Protein backbone atom coordinates (compact mmCIF):
# COMPACT_ATOMS: atom_id res chain seq x y z
CA UNK A 1 0.00 0.00 0.00
CA UNK A 2 2.90 2.35 0.77
CA UNK A 3 4.33 1.86 -2.71
CA UNK A 4 1.01 2.64 -4.35
CA UNK A 5 0.67 5.77 -2.21
CA UNK A 6 4.06 7.00 -3.38
CA UNK A 7 3.08 6.27 -6.97
CA UNK A 8 -0.05 8.33 -6.59
CA UNK A 9 1.86 11.23 -5.05
CA UNK A 10 4.36 11.20 -7.90
CA UNK A 11 1.48 11.55 -10.37
CA UNK A 12 0.50 14.97 -8.95
CA UNK A 13 1.88 18.12 -10.53
CA UNK A 14 3.44 20.69 -8.23
CA UNK A 15 1.03 23.49 -9.13
CA UNK A 16 -2.73 23.85 -8.92
CA UNK A 17 -4.79 21.60 -11.13
CA UNK A 18 -7.28 23.66 -13.08
CA UNK A 19 -10.10 21.17 -13.45
CA UNK A 20 -10.10 20.41 -9.71
CA UNK A 21 -10.89 24.05 -8.99
CA UNK A 22 -13.69 23.93 -11.57
CA UNK A 23 -15.11 20.83 -9.87
CA UNK A 24 -14.94 22.53 -6.46
CA UNK A 25 -16.68 25.55 -7.95
CA UNK A 26 -19.56 23.43 -9.24
CA UNK A 27 -19.78 21.57 -5.94
CA UNK A 28 -20.04 24.64 -3.74
CA UNK A 29 -22.60 26.33 -6.01
CA UNK A 30 -24.76 23.20 -6.05
CA UNK A 31 -24.59 22.88 -2.27
CA UNK A 32 -25.47 26.53 -1.64
CA UNK A 33 -28.23 26.39 -4.27
CA UNK A 34 -29.76 23.33 -2.65
CA UNK A 35 -29.90 24.92 0.82
CA UNK A 36 -31.14 28.22 -0.61
CA UNK A 37 -33.88 26.63 -2.70
CA UNK A 38 -35.17 24.31 0.01
CA UNK A 39 -35.20 27.17 2.52
CA UNK A 40 -37.22 29.40 0.19
CA UNK A 41 -39.62 26.59 -0.66
CA UNK A 42 -40.17 25.79 3.00
CA UNK A 43 -40.92 29.44 3.75
CA UNK A 44 -43.35 29.67 0.80
CA UNK A 45 -44.87 26.23 1.49
CA UNK A 46 -44.55 25.38 -2.19
CA UNK A 47 -41.99 24.11 -4.65
CA UNK A 48 -40.30 26.44 -7.12
CA UNK A 49 -39.33 25.77 -10.73
CA UNK A 50 -35.75 25.29 -9.48
CA UNK A 51 -36.75 22.24 -7.45
CA UNK A 52 -36.40 19.91 -10.43
CA UNK A 53 -32.76 20.88 -10.91
CA UNK A 54 -32.06 20.41 -7.20
CA UNK A 55 -33.53 16.90 -7.40
CA UNK A 56 -31.54 16.15 -10.56
CA UNK A 57 -28.27 17.09 -8.83
CA UNK A 58 -29.00 15.17 -5.62
CA UNK A 59 -27.44 11.82 -6.68
CA UNK A 60 -24.00 13.33 -7.32
CA UNK A 61 -23.81 16.65 -5.44
CA UNK A 62 -22.21 15.37 -2.23
CA UNK A 63 -20.51 12.26 -3.71
CA UNK A 64 -18.47 14.54 -5.96
CA UNK A 65 -17.62 16.86 -3.07
CA UNK A 66 -16.23 13.95 -1.04
CA UNK A 67 -14.46 12.32 -3.98
CA UNK A 68 -12.62 15.57 -4.69
CA UNK A 69 -11.85 15.96 -0.97
CA UNK A 70 -9.96 12.66 -1.03
CA UNK A 71 -7.92 13.32 -4.17
CA UNK A 72 -4.83 14.81 -2.55
CA UNK A 73 -4.74 12.78 0.66
CA UNK A 74 -1.80 10.72 -0.60
CA UNK A 75 0.39 13.80 -0.21
CA UNK A 76 0.05 13.71 3.57
CA UNK A 77 -1.25 10.33 4.70
CA UNK A 78 2.20 8.91 5.49
CA UNK A 79 3.32 11.90 7.54
CA UNK A 80 3.86 11.43 11.30
CA UNK A 81 0.67 11.40 13.32
CA UNK A 82 1.43 14.70 15.08
CA UNK A 83 1.76 16.57 11.79
CA UNK A 84 -1.14 14.69 10.24
CA UNK A 85 -3.49 15.45 13.14
CA UNK A 86 -2.51 19.11 13.06
CA UNK A 87 -3.32 19.45 9.35
CA UNK A 88 -6.26 17.09 9.09
CA UNK A 89 -7.98 17.27 12.48
CA UNK A 90 -7.05 20.42 14.42
CA UNK A 91 -7.34 22.50 11.25
CA UNK A 92 -10.97 21.53 10.63
CA UNK A 93 -11.81 21.33 14.34
CA UNK A 94 -10.89 25.01 14.73
CA UNK A 95 -13.12 26.15 11.89
CA UNK A 96 -15.94 23.84 12.91
CA UNK A 97 -16.03 25.11 16.50
CA UNK A 98 -15.62 28.74 15.46
CA UNK A 99 -18.34 28.72 12.81
CA UNK A 100 -20.67 26.59 14.92
CA UNK A 101 -20.54 29.40 17.47
CA UNK A 102 -20.96 32.10 14.80
CA UNK A 103 -23.87 30.31 13.14
CA UNK A 104 -25.48 28.74 16.17
CA UNK A 105 -25.48 31.47 18.78
CA UNK A 106 -27.60 34.00 16.80
CA UNK A 107 -29.97 31.27 15.66
CA UNK A 108 -30.48 29.95 19.20
CA UNK A 109 -30.83 33.47 20.63
CA UNK A 110 -33.50 34.35 18.07
CA UNK A 111 -35.31 31.13 18.98
CA UNK A 112 -35.71 32.51 22.50
CA UNK A 113 -33.59 30.01 24.40
CA UNK A 114 -32.19 30.80 27.84
CA UNK A 115 -28.39 31.13 28.17
CA UNK A 116 -27.96 27.73 29.81
CA UNK A 117 -29.90 25.88 27.11
CA UNK A 118 -28.00 27.76 24.38
CA UNK A 119 -24.68 26.68 25.88
CA UNK A 120 -26.00 23.13 26.13
CA UNK A 121 -27.13 23.13 22.50
CA UNK A 122 -23.77 24.47 21.31
CA UNK A 123 -21.96 21.86 23.39
CA UNK A 124 -24.15 19.11 21.92
CA UNK A 125 -23.27 20.39 18.44
CA UNK A 126 -19.69 19.26 19.14
CA UNK A 127 -21.06 15.71 19.11
CA UNK A 128 -23.95 16.08 16.69
CA UNK A 129 -23.33 19.00 14.31
CA UNK A 130 -26.30 21.08 13.26
CA UNK A 131 -26.84 23.23 10.22
CA UNK A 132 -24.53 23.06 7.23
CA UNK A 133 -21.23 22.36 9.00
CA UNK A 134 -21.53 18.57 9.16
CA UNK A 135 -19.25 18.30 6.09
CA UNK A 136 -16.45 20.11 7.99
CA UNK A 137 -17.09 17.83 10.98
CA UNK A 138 -16.95 14.67 8.91
CA UNK A 139 -13.75 15.40 6.98
CA UNK A 140 -11.38 14.85 9.96
CA UNK A 141 -13.16 11.58 10.72
CA UNK A 142 -12.59 10.48 7.13
CA UNK A 143 -8.94 11.55 7.27
CA UNK A 144 -8.23 9.65 10.48
CA UNK A 145 -10.18 6.58 9.36
CA UNK A 146 -8.27 6.42 6.08
CA UNK A 147 -4.89 6.73 7.77
CA UNK A 148 -5.81 3.96 10.22
CA UNK A 149 -6.86 1.77 7.28
CA UNK A 150 -3.93 2.55 4.99
CA UNK A 151 -2.43 -0.93 5.54
CA UNK A 152 -5.76 -2.67 4.92
CA UNK A 153 -6.48 -4.21 1.49
CA UNK A 154 -8.09 -1.44 -0.57
CA UNK A 155 -10.59 -3.83 -2.11
CA UNK A 156 -11.81 -4.77 1.38
CA UNK A 157 -12.18 -1.12 2.43
CA UNK A 158 -14.04 -0.26 -0.77
CA UNK A 159 -16.29 -3.30 -0.43
CA UNK A 160 -17.15 -2.49 3.18
CA UNK A 161 -17.70 1.21 2.42
CA UNK A 162 -19.85 0.34 -0.59
CA UNK A 163 -21.92 -2.05 1.49
CA UNK A 164 -22.44 0.66 4.11
CA UNK A 165 -23.65 3.05 1.42
CA UNK A 166 -26.07 0.52 -0.03
CA UNK A 167 -27.39 -0.39 3.41
CA UNK A 168 -28.93 3.09 3.68
CA UNK A 169 -28.09 3.42 7.37
CA UNK A 170 -30.61 5.51 9.32
CA UNK A 171 -29.75 6.13 12.98
CA UNK A 172 -30.88 9.79 13.06
CA UNK A 173 -27.27 10.73 13.87
CA UNK A 174 -25.99 12.86 11.00
CA UNK A 175 -22.40 11.80 11.73
CA UNK A 176 -23.12 8.07 11.56
CA UNK A 177 -25.59 8.28 8.69
CA UNK A 178 -23.44 10.53 6.51
CA UNK A 179 -20.31 8.53 7.26
CA UNK A 180 -22.06 5.41 6.02
CA UNK A 181 -23.43 7.19 2.95
CA UNK A 182 -20.29 9.12 1.90
CA UNK A 183 -17.09 7.38 2.97
CA UNK A 184 -16.95 5.17 -0.11
CA UNK A 185 -16.61 8.24 -2.33
CA UNK A 186 -13.93 9.82 -0.18
CA UNK A 187 -11.88 6.61 -0.08
CA UNK A 188 -12.30 6.11 -3.82
CA UNK A 189 -11.05 9.67 -4.40
CA UNK A 190 -8.00 8.87 -2.29
CA UNK A 191 -7.18 5.42 -3.64
CA UNK A 192 -8.05 5.99 -7.29
CA UNK A 193 -6.62 9.51 -7.47
CA UNK A 194 -4.11 8.70 -10.20
CA UNK A 195 -6.82 7.06 -12.32
CA UNK A 196 -9.17 10.00 -11.76
CA UNK A 197 -6.52 12.43 -12.95
CA UNK A 198 -5.85 10.24 -15.97
CA UNK A 199 -9.60 10.12 -16.68
CA UNK A 200 -9.75 13.91 -16.54
CA UNK A 201 -6.86 14.24 -18.96
CA UNK A 202 -8.52 11.78 -21.35
CA UNK A 203 -11.81 13.70 -21.12
CA UNK A 204 -10.19 16.99 -22.05
CA UNK A 205 -8.15 15.39 -24.83
CA UNK A 206 -11.20 13.74 -26.46
CA UNK A 207 -13.89 16.41 -26.39
CA UNK A 208 -15.85 14.84 -29.25
CA UNK A 209 -16.43 11.80 -27.08
CA UNK A 210 -16.76 13.64 -23.79
CA UNK A 211 -19.63 15.91 -24.81
CA UNK A 212 -21.98 13.12 -26.09
CA UNK A 213 -21.10 11.01 -23.04
CA UNK A 214 -22.09 13.87 -20.73
CA UNK A 215 -25.40 14.30 -22.54
CA UNK A 216 -26.16 10.58 -22.20
CA UNK A 217 -25.22 10.64 -18.52
CA UNK A 218 -27.43 13.69 -17.88
CA UNK A 219 -30.41 11.98 -19.50
CA UNK A 220 -29.83 8.71 -17.60
CA UNK A 221 -29.52 10.59 -14.31
CA UNK A 222 -32.74 12.47 -15.05
CA UNK A 223 -34.54 9.22 -15.86
CA UNK A 224 -33.43 7.61 -12.59
CA UNK A 225 -34.47 10.65 -10.54
CA UNK A 226 -37.78 11.25 -12.30
CA UNK A 227 -38.99 7.67 -12.01
CA UNK A 228 -37.83 7.08 -8.45
CA UNK A 229 -34.89 4.76 -9.07
CA UNK A 230 -32.14 7.07 -7.78
CA UNK A 231 -32.56 6.10 -4.13
CA UNK A 232 -32.52 2.35 -4.63
CA UNK A 233 -29.64 0.38 -3.06
CA UNK A 234 -26.88 -0.04 -5.61
CA UNK A 235 -28.44 2.44 -8.01
CA UNK A 236 -27.65 5.40 -5.74
CA UNK A 237 -24.06 4.19 -5.44
CA UNK A 238 -23.68 3.90 -9.21
CA UNK A 239 -25.33 7.27 -9.81
CA UNK A 240 -23.02 8.85 -7.23
CA UNK A 241 -19.89 7.59 -8.97
CA UNK A 242 -21.29 8.26 -12.45
CA UNK A 243 -22.23 11.81 -11.48
CA UNK A 244 -18.88 12.45 -9.83
CA UNK A 245 -17.18 11.21 -12.98
CA UNK A 246 -19.38 13.49 -15.07
CA UNK A 247 -18.44 16.50 -12.95
CA UNK A 248 -14.76 15.60 -13.36
CA UNK A 249 -15.17 15.26 -17.14
CA UNK A 250 -17.21 18.47 -17.48
CA UNK A 251 -14.73 20.36 -15.32
CA UNK A 252 -11.84 19.07 -17.44
CA UNK A 253 -13.73 20.16 -20.56
CA UNK A 254 -14.21 23.68 -19.21
CA UNK A 255 -10.57 23.85 -18.19
CA UNK A 256 -9.48 22.74 -21.67
CA UNK A 257 -11.47 25.42 -23.47
CA UNK A 258 -10.80 27.95 -20.68
CA UNK A 259 -14.48 28.76 -20.22
CA UNK A 260 -15.94 30.33 -17.07
CA UNK A 261 -12.60 31.02 -15.36
CA UNK A 262 -14.55 32.69 -12.53
CA UNK A 263 -15.85 29.23 -11.60
CA UNK A 264 -12.32 27.93 -11.06
CA UNK A 265 -11.45 31.07 -9.11
CA UNK A 266 -14.44 30.41 -6.87
CA UNK A 267 -13.54 26.74 -6.51
CA UNK A 268 -10.12 27.66 -5.16
CA UNK A 269 -11.98 29.46 -2.35
CA UNK A 270 -14.78 26.94 -1.83
CA UNK A 271 -13.95 26.31 1.84
CA UNK A 272 -14.47 30.01 2.58
CA UNK A 273 -17.92 29.88 1.01
CA UNK A 274 -18.83 26.64 2.77
CA UNK A 275 -17.94 28.04 6.18
CA UNK A 276 -19.77 31.33 5.86
CA UNK A 277 -22.66 31.04 3.39
CA UNK A 278 -25.34 30.19 5.96
CA UNK A 279 -25.81 33.64 7.53
CA UNK A 280 -26.03 35.68 4.29
CA UNK A 281 -28.28 32.98 2.86
CA UNK A 282 -30.71 33.19 5.78
CA UNK A 283 -30.60 36.99 5.95
CA UNK A 284 -31.20 37.43 2.21
CA UNK A 285 -34.06 34.93 2.18
CA UNK A 286 -35.80 36.65 5.10
CA UNK A 287 -35.31 40.10 3.58
CA UNK A 288 -36.65 39.13 0.15
CA UNK A 289 -39.65 37.29 1.55
CA UNK A 290 -40.57 40.09 3.95
CA UNK A 291 -40.22 42.89 1.41
CA UNK A 292 -41.88 41.02 -1.44
CA UNK A 293 -39.50 42.59 -3.96
CA UNK A 294 -39.45 39.33 -5.91
CA UNK A 295 -42.56 37.18 -6.29
CA UNK A 296 -41.17 34.13 -8.07
CA UNK A 297 -39.79 31.45 -5.73
CA UNK A 298 -37.17 30.23 -8.20
CA UNK A 299 -35.82 33.73 -8.79
CA UNK A 300 -35.72 34.31 -5.02
CA UNK A 301 -33.73 31.09 -4.59
CA UNK A 302 -31.25 32.07 -7.33
CA UNK A 303 -30.81 35.53 -5.80
CA UNK A 304 -30.26 34.03 -2.36
CA UNK A 305 -27.72 31.61 -3.85
CA UNK A 306 -25.75 34.39 -5.53
CA UNK A 307 -25.61 36.51 -2.37
CA UNK A 308 -24.73 33.53 -0.18
CA UNK A 309 -21.85 32.57 -2.49
CA UNK A 310 -20.31 36.02 -2.87
CA UNK A 311 -20.72 37.57 0.58
CA UNK A 312 -18.24 35.11 2.19
CA UNK A 313 -15.70 35.92 -0.53
CA UNK A 314 -16.14 39.65 0.12
CA UNK A 315 -15.85 39.17 3.89
CA UNK A 316 -12.72 37.06 3.42
CA UNK A 317 -11.17 39.76 1.24
CA UNK A 318 -12.02 42.52 3.71
CA UNK A 319 -10.66 40.63 6.72
CA UNK A 320 -7.35 39.61 5.15
CA UNK A 321 -4.36 41.00 7.05
CA UNK A 322 -6.68 42.52 9.68
CA UNK A 323 -7.40 41.62 13.33
CA UNK A 324 -10.35 39.57 12.02
CA UNK A 325 -8.25 37.25 9.89
CA UNK A 326 -8.89 34.46 12.39
CA UNK A 327 -12.34 34.02 10.80
CA UNK A 328 -10.71 32.17 7.90
CA UNK A 329 -7.12 31.67 9.04
CA UNK A 330 -6.19 29.25 11.80
CA UNK A 331 -4.13 31.16 14.39
CA UNK A 332 -0.77 29.95 15.67
CA UNK A 333 -2.11 29.04 19.13
CA UNK A 334 -4.36 26.43 17.48
CA UNK A 335 -1.45 24.72 15.74
CA UNK A 336 0.82 22.06 17.21
CA UNK A 337 4.16 23.61 17.99
CA UNK A 338 2.78 27.10 17.42
CA UNK A 339 3.48 26.96 13.70
CA UNK A 340 3.50 30.28 11.90
CA UNK A 341 0.23 31.39 10.30
CA UNK A 342 0.52 31.53 6.53
CA UNK A 343 -1.10 34.65 5.05
CA UNK A 344 -3.59 34.01 2.25
CA UNK A 345 -1.76 36.10 -0.30
CA UNK A 346 -0.15 33.59 -2.64
CA UNK A 347 -0.37 34.23 -6.41
CA UNK A 348 -3.39 32.46 -7.86
CA UNK A 349 -1.42 30.61 -10.53
CA UNK A 350 1.05 29.05 -8.08
CA UNK A 351 -1.00 28.51 -4.93
CA UNK A 352 -0.56 24.77 -4.40
CA UNK A 353 1.80 24.94 -1.42
CA UNK A 354 -0.15 27.75 0.23
CA UNK A 355 -3.46 25.94 -0.34
CA UNK A 356 -2.08 22.77 1.20
CA UNK A 357 -1.02 24.66 4.32
CA UNK A 358 -4.34 26.47 4.67
CA UNK A 359 -7.00 24.00 3.66
CA UNK A 360 -5.21 20.67 3.33
């Protein structure tokens, strides 16, 4: 297993990989759009015209996010545990606790809870995350699990993870249920990273084949969703991998023709959006619904999505190199050995090392 890990690491270029940023861009937009749309629909007590697209993206939205999250794990998985835990556990633990407090405290205060119950709810969120931050909570668990299993036969890990996904575990614990549903994609991203990168290169080199294949996949995914097959055991697993592969291929296509560069730019900052989109999303939804400026539910949802995506980027830009940089930059006291904080000011075309230090 160690030899294969080294082989995978050697397959990675030293600089940023364009299509990966495109894929992250799609992922974060789809996630924010889903939360925005469902929130608007719940408030209006009716579905919008955007609901069909949200349903269509459901089979692959989170599988692709987790597959991409596992792609670069081979760069760090064989590091000593102290370094590994700093980068893969403490890093995400800091942002999870910080943004749980930022998101949760106002929400609980507005709900009218007394101080003791609010503290209790926030403490319970350290065990059972609420809101949108469960993805940040789950990543360190995936990182530690994969390092512990790195000597295990990959086929056995994939088989067990696939069986968990097909079992459709329901315990009403988001940590347990999402672990069972998503780990297979994360591990596949880690173990098959070299093949995924080769697939992406083939997709961008053979556009005449890639485009028809994407159309066929889109139609097949729509058929499975429309007729209720997408949630069936086995089918959901296949749709998750097929959709993740389609996002990889489509992202490679966009990177090849250099279309929508703003999407790649956004993808390179996806963690910033994921941490902070909840509050602008909720505030924009409430404001639009109360003022009645927009009547159409789908247009409201799209507007909420746009604001929720861009406000975190603006806040991140405004807080850089200020006393509020700790909102998106882990401070030295939360690093093992008091490691120096790396400013987020690396050139965009050569950010790989800086990105690894900040978000890896």
